[in-house]
Amino acid sequence: MAEHSSDEVVFNKPKVELHVHLDGAIRVPTILDIAKRRGIPLPANTVEEMKQRVVVETPGTLTSFLGKFAEYMHVVAGDREAIKRIAYEFVQDKAKEGVIYVEVRYSPHLLANTKVDPIPWDQKEGDLSPDEVVHLVNEGLSEGERAFNIKARSILCCMRHMPSWSMDIIELCKKYRHEGVVAIDLAGDESLDCETNSGHKQAYEEAVRCGVHRTVHAGEVGPPSVVKEAVDVLKAERVGHGYRTLEDQELYRKLLDRDMHFEVCPISSKLTGACNPDFTKHPVITFRKDKANYSLNTDDPLIFNSTLHLDYNTAHKYMGFTEEEFKRLNICSAKSSFLPEDEKTELLHRLYKAYGMIQSTAF
């Protein structure tokens, strides 16, 4: 298997990451280890064999990419020890990449192994509830924070194909808002309409009412109308991906004026077929030239066999990114993070200091 040359570090300074999925960032040896402990047979016995099953190496479709999760999700879902472990290891991996603040997202229902037509929790033998999943992830992240000197917060995902879960999600966001959960997200098939899908709309209306932060996957492969729906109907404060916004210049200009934050994932967007595989034509180049508000993120480093270093290398090598732009986008990321204002100020101060900008913080 061809390995990405992701070890080169083009920006060896503190970074902020806002768009990465916990279940797409698990270590391959951990999957094998948990499967062995739980007695779950896998079609692969070595790290290399497992990588061949889960890693996407050439541009495909979002559907083929999503199919990769089926190779291993059953190994970790519903297992207390596994869920806490992957959260802890995630923080360790991010710390190694020079990330000082990360927001990691996941669907509590999928990690609880909730079926599409779930049996009531009190009738399920030994299964985890989504509530327990959030508690376990919080514990793992919190222990990782203390061990690796990094701040980690989480975002809970609604799934477009399961509107019946969305009110659960906003209630969990409210319950755990002081224990590390900072926002709600909506992920999945963008062709599913939210305006008529009252479950998602209702959950986001409740988020607005209660002051829970909001981001939405939109404009990754779906048309600009999905982005418009995310910001106008769901009141998203950030857009996950958002590349197709550029196809509607009026919408794009409106979002630029509003300083809307785009969570950009370069490697991901090539391998899911969301963007032109030629990195020199990537939408983020337009974002850069227009001084838009955006971040660089890994999305699913397990499935793309990547690291944050690789995304930065790619932006530097093919997209004309300079150290100054890396600094600017990380400042934007910190400002657009879902931290409380006092913690955000502290994070910005750390970045200004590390970037040699402490004398002049007007950026």
Protein backbone atom coordinates (compact mmCIF):
# COMPACT_ATOMS: atom_id res chain seq x y z
CA MET A 1 0.00 0.00 0.00
CA ALA A 2 1.28 3.42 -0.92
CA GLU A 3 1.77 5.57 2.16
CA HIS A 4 1.10 9.28 2.14
CA SER A 5 4.23 11.33 2.86
CA SER A 6 2.50 13.04 5.77
CA ASP A 7 5.49 13.34 8.09
CA GLU A 8 6.87 16.57 6.65
CA VAL A 9 5.84 19.51 8.84
CA VAL A 10 5.36 22.78 6.98
CA PHE A 11 3.73 24.60 9.90
CA ASN A 12 5.36 23.55 13.14
CA LYS A 13 3.29 25.84 15.36
CA PRO A 14 0.17 25.36 17.50
CA LYS A 15 -2.97 24.59 15.51
CA VAL A 16 -6.74 24.48 15.99
CA GLU A 17 -8.89 21.74 14.42
CA LEU A 18 -12.67 22.08 14.23
CA HIS A 19 -13.91 19.32 11.89
CA VAL A 20 -12.88 15.75 12.68
CA HIS A 21 -15.03 12.69 13.36
CA LEU A 22 -14.14 10.50 16.33
CA ASP A 23 -15.27 7.31 14.60
CA GLY A 24 -13.18 8.29 11.57
CA ALA A 25 -10.05 8.85 13.65
CA ILE A 26 -9.54 5.50 15.39
CA ARG A 27 -6.12 3.82 15.33
CA VAL A 28 -6.03 0.63 13.26
CA PRO A 29 -4.10 -1.33 15.96
CA THR A 30 -6.82 -0.31 18.42
CA ILE A 31 -9.54 -1.76 16.16
CA LEU A 32 -7.64 -5.06 15.98
CA ASP A 33 -6.99 -5.07 19.72
CA ILE A 34 -10.63 -4.43 20.67
CA ALA A 35 -11.87 -7.05 18.18
CA LYS A 36 -9.54 -9.60 19.75
CA ARG A 37 -10.66 -8.74 23.30
CA ARG A 38 -14.34 -8.92 22.35
CA GLY A 39 -13.95 -12.05 20.22
CA ILE A 40 -15.22 -10.30 17.11
CA PRO A 41 -13.92 -11.89 13.89
CA LEU A 42 -12.48 -9.49 11.32
CA PRO A 43 -11.57 -10.18 7.69
CA ALA A 44 -8.05 -8.90 8.47
CA ASN A 45 -5.50 -9.90 11.09
CA THR A 46 -2.72 -7.33 10.62
CA VAL A 47 -2.58 -3.53 10.55
CA GLU A 48 -1.63 -3.60 6.86
CA GLU A 49 -4.52 -5.92 5.92
CA MET A 50 -6.98 -3.85 7.92
CA LYS A 51 -5.76 -0.64 6.29
CA GLN A 52 -6.39 -2.17 2.88
CA ARG A 53 -10.03 -2.66 3.89
CA VAL A 54 -10.71 0.74 5.48
CA VAL A 55 -8.43 3.24 3.72
CA VAL A 56 -9.63 5.15 0.65
CA GLU A 57 -6.64 5.66 -1.64
CA THR A 58 -8.15 7.06 -4.82
CA PRO A 59 -11.00 9.53 -5.39
CA GLY A 60 -14.39 7.86 -5.17
CA THR A 61 -17.86 8.86 -4.04
CA LEU A 62 -19.17 9.94 -0.67
CA THR A 63 -21.27 6.75 -0.64
CA SER A 64 -18.26 4.46 -1.15
CA PHE A 65 -16.38 6.40 1.54
CA LEU A 66 -19.26 6.01 4.03
CA GLY A 67 -19.26 2.27 3.36
CA LYS A 68 -15.81 2.02 4.96
CA PHE A 69 -17.28 2.64 8.42
CA ALA A 70 -19.16 -0.68 8.20
CA GLU A 71 -15.78 -2.47 8.21
CA TYR A 72 -15.05 -1.60 11.84
CA MET A 73 -17.80 0.36 13.61
CA HIS A 74 -19.33 -2.83 15.06
CA VAL A 75 -16.03 -3.49 16.83
CA VAL A 76 -16.14 -0.35 19.00
CA ALA A 77 -19.89 0.39 19.13
CA GLY A 78 -21.64 -0.53 22.36
CA ASP A 79 -18.40 -1.26 24.26
CA ARG A 80 -17.65 0.98 27.25
CA GLU A 81 -13.91 0.37 27.39
CA ALA A 82 -13.50 0.84 23.64
CA ILE A 83 -15.41 4.14 23.50
CA LYS A 84 -13.45 5.71 26.33
CA ARG A 85 -10.19 4.41 24.86
CA ILE A 86 -10.72 5.81 21.36
CA ALA A 87 -11.52 9.24 22.85
CA TYR A 88 -8.37 9.21 24.96
CA GLU A 89 -6.15 8.04 22.09
CA PHE A 90 -7.68 10.64 19.80
CA VAL A 91 -6.50 13.44 22.10
CA GLN A 92 -3.02 11.92 22.24
CA ASP A 93 -2.84 11.76 18.43
CA LYS A 94 -3.96 15.38 18.04
CA ALA A 95 -1.42 16.56 20.61
CA LYS A 96 1.31 14.88 18.52
CA GLU A 97 0.15 16.94 15.51
CA GLY A 98 0.62 20.20 17.40
CA VAL A 99 -3.10 20.78 17.93
CA ILE A 100 -3.78 22.77 21.11
CA TYR A 101 -7.56 22.92 20.71
CA VAL A 102 -9.81 20.41 18.95
CA GLU A 103 -13.55 19.94 18.51
CA VAL A 104 -14.31 16.32 17.73
CA ARG A 105 -17.72 15.16 16.53
CA TYR A 106 -19.64 11.89 16.57
CA SER A 107 -23.12 10.37 16.59
CA PRO A 108 -23.88 9.01 20.07
CA HIS A 109 -26.52 6.71 18.58
CA LEU A 110 -24.08 5.11 16.11
CA LEU A 111 -21.46 4.53 18.82
CA ALA A 112 -24.21 3.07 21.01
CA ASN A 113 -24.95 0.74 18.10
CA THR A 114 -28.52 1.99 17.86
CA LYS A 115 -30.38 0.23 15.09
CA VAL A 116 -32.59 2.25 12.75
CA ASP A 117 -35.62 0.73 14.50
CA PRO A 118 -34.28 0.57 18.06
CA ILE A 119 -35.75 -1.53 20.84
CA PRO A 120 -36.36 0.57 23.99
CA TRP A 121 -33.12 0.81 25.96
CA ASP A 122 -34.47 -0.90 29.06
CA GLN A 123 -35.22 -3.99 26.97
CA LYS A 124 -31.74 -4.33 25.47
CA GLU A 125 -29.32 -6.63 27.16
CA GLY A 126 -25.96 -4.97 27.87
CA ASP A 127 -26.26 -2.24 25.24
CA LEU A 128 -25.16 1.32 25.83
CA SER A 129 -27.53 4.24 25.61
CA PRO A 130 -26.49 7.34 23.64
CA ASP A 131 -26.35 9.17 27.00
CA GLU A 132 -23.78 6.68 28.34
CA VAL A 133 -21.75 7.05 25.14
CA VAL A 134 -21.50 10.83 25.63
CA HIS A 135 -20.46 10.33 29.25
CA LEU A 136 -17.73 7.85 28.24
CA VAL A 137 -16.39 10.05 25.43
CA ASN A 138 -16.29 13.01 27.82
CA GLU A 139 -14.29 10.93 30.29
CA GLY A 140 -11.80 9.81 27.63
CA LEU A 141 -11.34 13.33 26.26
CA SER A 142 -10.96 14.79 29.73
CA GLU A 143 -8.29 12.25 30.73
CA GLY A 144 -6.51 12.91 27.43
CA GLU A 145 -6.58 16.66 28.06
CA ARG A 146 -4.87 16.26 31.41
CA ALA A 147 -2.30 13.81 30.07
CA PHE A 148 -1.31 15.67 26.88
CA ASN A 149 -1.81 19.38 27.63
CA ILE A 150 -4.41 20.00 24.94
CA LYS A 151 -7.99 21.23 25.12
CA ALA A 152 -10.62 18.91 23.58
CA ARG A 153 -14.35 19.52 23.25
CA SER A 154 -17.05 17.58 21.41
CA ILE A 155 -19.91 18.16 18.98
CA LEU A 156 -22.87 15.75 18.83
CA CYS A 157 -24.13 14.75 15.38
CA CYS A 158 -27.70 14.40 14.21
CA MET A 159 -27.99 12.13 11.18
CA ARG A 160 -30.00 13.31 8.17
CA HIS A 161 -31.55 9.86 7.61
CA MET A 162 -32.66 9.59 11.26
CA PRO A 163 -34.68 12.69 12.21
CA SER A 164 -36.17 10.75 15.13
CA TRP A 165 -32.78 10.91 16.90
CA SER A 166 -32.36 14.68 16.66
CA MET A 167 -34.34 15.72 19.73
CA ASP A 168 -32.30 13.20 21.76
CA ILE A 169 -29.16 14.92 20.47
CA ILE A 170 -30.15 18.43 21.50
CA GLU A 171 -31.17 17.14 24.95
CA LEU A 172 -27.72 15.52 25.32
CA CYS A 173 -26.09 18.78 24.19
CA LYS A 174 -28.00 20.60 26.93
CA LYS A 175 -27.27 17.97 29.57
CA TYR A 176 -23.51 17.86 28.92
CA ARG A 177 -22.87 21.49 27.91
CA HIS A 178 -20.73 22.02 31.01
CA GLU A 179 -18.91 18.70 30.62
CA GLY A 180 -17.28 19.22 27.24
CA VAL A 181 -20.09 19.18 24.66
CA VAL A 182 -20.06 22.51 22.81
CA ALA A 183 -22.36 22.15 19.79
CA ILE A 184 -24.82 20.22 17.63
CA ASP A 185 -24.10 19.07 14.06
CA LEU A 186 -26.06 17.51 11.21
CA ALA A 187 -24.30 14.93 9.02
CA GLY A 188 -25.26 12.45 6.31
CA ASP A 189 -27.00 12.48 2.93
CA GLU A 190 -27.42 16.11 1.85
CA SER A 191 -30.24 15.25 -0.53
CA LEU A 192 -32.56 14.80 2.47
CA ASP A 193 -34.53 17.99 3.03
CA CYS A 194 -34.56 19.58 6.50
CA GLU A 195 -37.22 22.21 6.00
CA THR A 196 -39.84 19.49 5.71
CA ASN A 197 -37.97 17.24 8.15
CA SER A 198 -39.31 18.56 11.40
CA GLY A 199 -37.05 16.43 13.65
CA HIS A 200 -33.88 18.25 12.61
CA LYS A 201 -35.54 21.66 12.35
CA GLN A 202 -37.12 21.26 15.78
CA ALA A 203 -33.79 20.23 17.33
CA TYR A 204 -32.00 23.23 15.82
CA GLU A 205 -34.80 25.59 16.93
CA GLU A 206 -34.30 24.27 20.46
CA ALA A 207 -30.54 24.76 20.10
CA VAL A 208 -31.09 28.41 19.16
CA ARG A 209 -33.52 28.84 22.07
CA CYS A 210 -31.07 27.36 24.58
CA GLY A 211 -27.90 28.96 23.21
CA VAL A 212 -26.34 25.69 21.99
CA HIS A 213 -23.85 26.30 19.17
CA ARG A 214 -24.66 24.97 15.71
CA THR A 215 -22.74 23.63 12.72
CA VAL A 216 -24.10 21.71 9.71
CA HIS A 217 -22.48 19.54 7.02
CA ALA A 218 -23.59 21.34 3.85
CA GLY A 219 -22.31 21.99 0.33
CA GLU A 220 -19.85 19.09 0.49
CA VAL A 221 -21.54 17.27 -2.38
CA GLY A 222 -24.96 18.89 -2.17
CA PRO A 223 -25.93 22.08 -4.04
CA PRO A 224 -25.68 25.64 -2.63
CA SER A 225 -29.35 25.40 -1.63
CA VAL A 226 -28.30 22.97 1.15
CA VAL A 227 -25.88 25.60 2.49
CA LYS A 228 -28.64 28.22 2.29
CA GLU A 229 -30.94 25.92 4.23
CA ALA A 230 -28.23 25.31 6.85
CA VAL A 231 -27.70 29.01 7.54
CA ASP A 232 -31.25 30.33 7.00
CA VAL A 233 -33.41 27.49 8.36
CA LEU A 234 -31.13 25.74 10.85
CA LYS A 235 -29.29 28.94 11.84
CA ALA A 236 -25.85 27.31 11.48
CA GLU A 237 -22.97 29.39 12.82
CA ARG A 238 -20.45 27.33 10.82
CA VAL A 239 -20.68 25.27 7.65
CA GLY A 240 -19.05 21.84 7.43
CA HIS A 241 -17.17 21.83 4.09
CA GLY A 242 -19.33 24.30 2.12
CA TYR A 243 -17.37 23.99 -1.15
CA ARG A 244 -20.47 24.18 -3.39
CA THR A 245 -21.31 27.61 -1.94
CA LEU A 246 -19.07 28.99 -4.70
CA GLU A 247 -21.62 27.88 -7.30
CA ASP A 248 -23.98 30.58 -5.95
CA GLN A 249 -21.98 33.80 -5.92
CA GLU A 250 -24.75 35.79 -4.30
CA LEU A 251 -24.92 33.33 -1.39
CA TYR A 252 -21.12 33.19 -1.17
CA ARG A 253 -20.83 37.00 -0.95
CA LYS A 254 -23.56 37.07 1.67
CA LEU A 255 -21.72 34.51 3.79
CA LEU A 256 -18.40 36.36 3.35
CA ASP A 257 -20.12 39.51 4.61
CA ARG A 258 -21.42 37.57 7.60
CA ASP A 259 -17.95 36.17 8.32
CA MET A 260 -19.39 32.65 8.10
CA HIS A 261 -16.82 29.99 9.00
CA PHE A 262 -16.17 27.13 6.54
CA GLU A 263 -14.72 23.91 7.98
CA VAL A 264 -12.49 22.86 5.05
CA CYS A 265 -11.02 19.35 4.73
CA PRO A 266 -8.65 19.23 1.70
CA ILE A 267 -7.57 15.55 1.65
CA SER A 268 -11.09 14.40 2.47
CA SER A 269 -12.67 16.49 -0.30
CA LYS A 270 -10.48 14.86 -2.93
CA LEU A 271 -10.96 11.27 -1.77
CA THR A 272 -14.74 11.50 -1.29
CA GLY A 273 -15.13 13.02 -4.75
CA ALA A 274 -16.52 16.23 -3.21
CA CYS A 275 -14.03 18.40 -5.12
CA ASN A 276 -11.91 18.30 -8.25
CA PRO A 277 -9.03 15.85 -7.55
CA ASP A 278 -6.62 18.50 -8.86
CA PHE A 279 -5.67 20.36 -5.67
CA THR A 280 -4.67 23.44 -7.69
CA LYS A 281 -8.40 23.90 -8.43
CA HIS A 282 -9.66 23.46 -4.87
CA PRO A 283 -12.37 25.88 -3.59
CA VAL A 284 -10.23 26.73 -0.56
CA ILE A 285 -7.90 28.65 -2.90
CA THR A 286 -10.80 31.04 -3.54
CA PHE A 287 -11.48 31.19 0.20
CA ARG A 288 -7.82 32.04 0.76
CA LYS A 289 -7.75 34.76 -1.90
CA ASP A 290 -10.96 36.30 -0.53
CA LYS A 291 -9.61 36.21 3.05
CA ALA A 292 -12.62 34.12 4.04
CA ASN A 293 -13.08 32.70 7.53
CA TYR A 294 -12.16 28.98 7.38
CA SER A 295 -10.17 26.21 9.03
CA LEU A 296 -8.11 23.26 7.71
CA ASN A 297 -9.16 19.87 9.09
CA THR A 298 -8.67 16.13 8.63
CA ASP A 299 -12.33 14.98 8.74
CA ASP A 300 -11.60 11.21 8.92
CA PRO A 301 -7.85 10.56 9.20
CA LEU A 302 -8.28 6.79 9.64
CA ILE A 303 -10.11 6.35 6.34
CA PHE A 304 -7.86 8.76 4.44
CA ASN A 305 -4.67 7.37 6.04
CA SER A 306 -3.76 11.00 6.75
CA THR A 307 -2.73 13.48 9.41
CA LEU A 308 -3.29 17.19 9.85
CA HIS A 309 0.30 17.66 8.66
CA LEU A 310 -0.71 16.17 5.29
CA ASP A 311 -3.58 18.64 4.88
CA TYR A 312 -1.21 21.52 5.67
CA ASN A 313 1.48 20.12 3.34
CA THR A 314 -1.09 19.83 0.56
CA ALA A 315 -2.28 23.43 1.06
CA HIS A 316 1.34 24.62 1.01
CA LYS A 317 2.46 22.54 -1.97
CA TYR A 318 -0.51 22.89 -4.33
CA MET A 319 -2.60 25.84 -3.11
CA GLY A 320 -0.11 28.61 -2.46
CA PHE A 321 -0.49 28.67 1.31
CA THR A 322 2.18 30.55 3.28
CA GLU A 323 3.07 30.55 6.96
CA GLU A 324 1.21 33.86 7.30
CA GLU A 325 -1.97 32.30 5.89
CA PHE A 326 -1.62 29.30 8.23
CA LYS A 327 -1.42 31.73 11.13
CA ARG A 328 -4.42 33.68 9.87
CA LEU A 329 -6.63 30.64 9.38
CA ASN A 330 -5.80 29.29 12.85
CA ILE A 331 -6.67 32.65 14.39
CA CYS A 332 -9.95 32.51 12.43
CA SER A 333 -10.49 28.95 13.68
CA ALA A 334 -9.98 29.98 17.31
CA LYS A 335 -12.34 32.94 16.91
CA SER A 336 -14.95 30.67 15.32
CA SER A 337 -14.54 27.90 17.89
CA PHE A 338 -17.47 27.06 20.15
CA LEU A 339 -15.59 27.76 23.37
CA PRO A 340 -17.04 30.18 25.95
CA GLU A 341 -15.68 33.70 25.47
CA ASP A 342 -13.18 33.60 28.36
CA GLU A 343 -11.65 30.31 27.14
CA LYS A 344 -11.64 31.61 23.56
CA THR A 345 -9.70 34.69 24.67
CA GLU A 346 -7.19 32.43 26.43
CA LEU A 347 -6.83 30.23 23.32
CA LEU A 348 -6.28 33.28 21.10
CA HIS A 349 -3.65 34.59 23.50
CA ARG A 350 -1.78 31.27 23.26
CA LEU A 351 -1.82 31.47 19.48
CA TYR A 352 -0.78 35.14 19.33
CA LYS A 353 2.12 34.35 21.67
CA ALA A 354 3.22 31.28 19.69
CA TYR A 355 2.95 33.21 16.40
CA GLY A 356 4.99 36.16 17.69
CA MET A 357 1.97 38.45 17.44
CA ILE A 358 1.52 39.34 21.09
CA GLN A 359 2.37 43.02 20.54
CA SER A 360 -0.28 43.46 17.87
CA THR A 361 -3.40 41.35 18.25
CA ALA A 362 -5.40 43.22 15.62
CA PHE A 363 -5.51 40.52 12.95
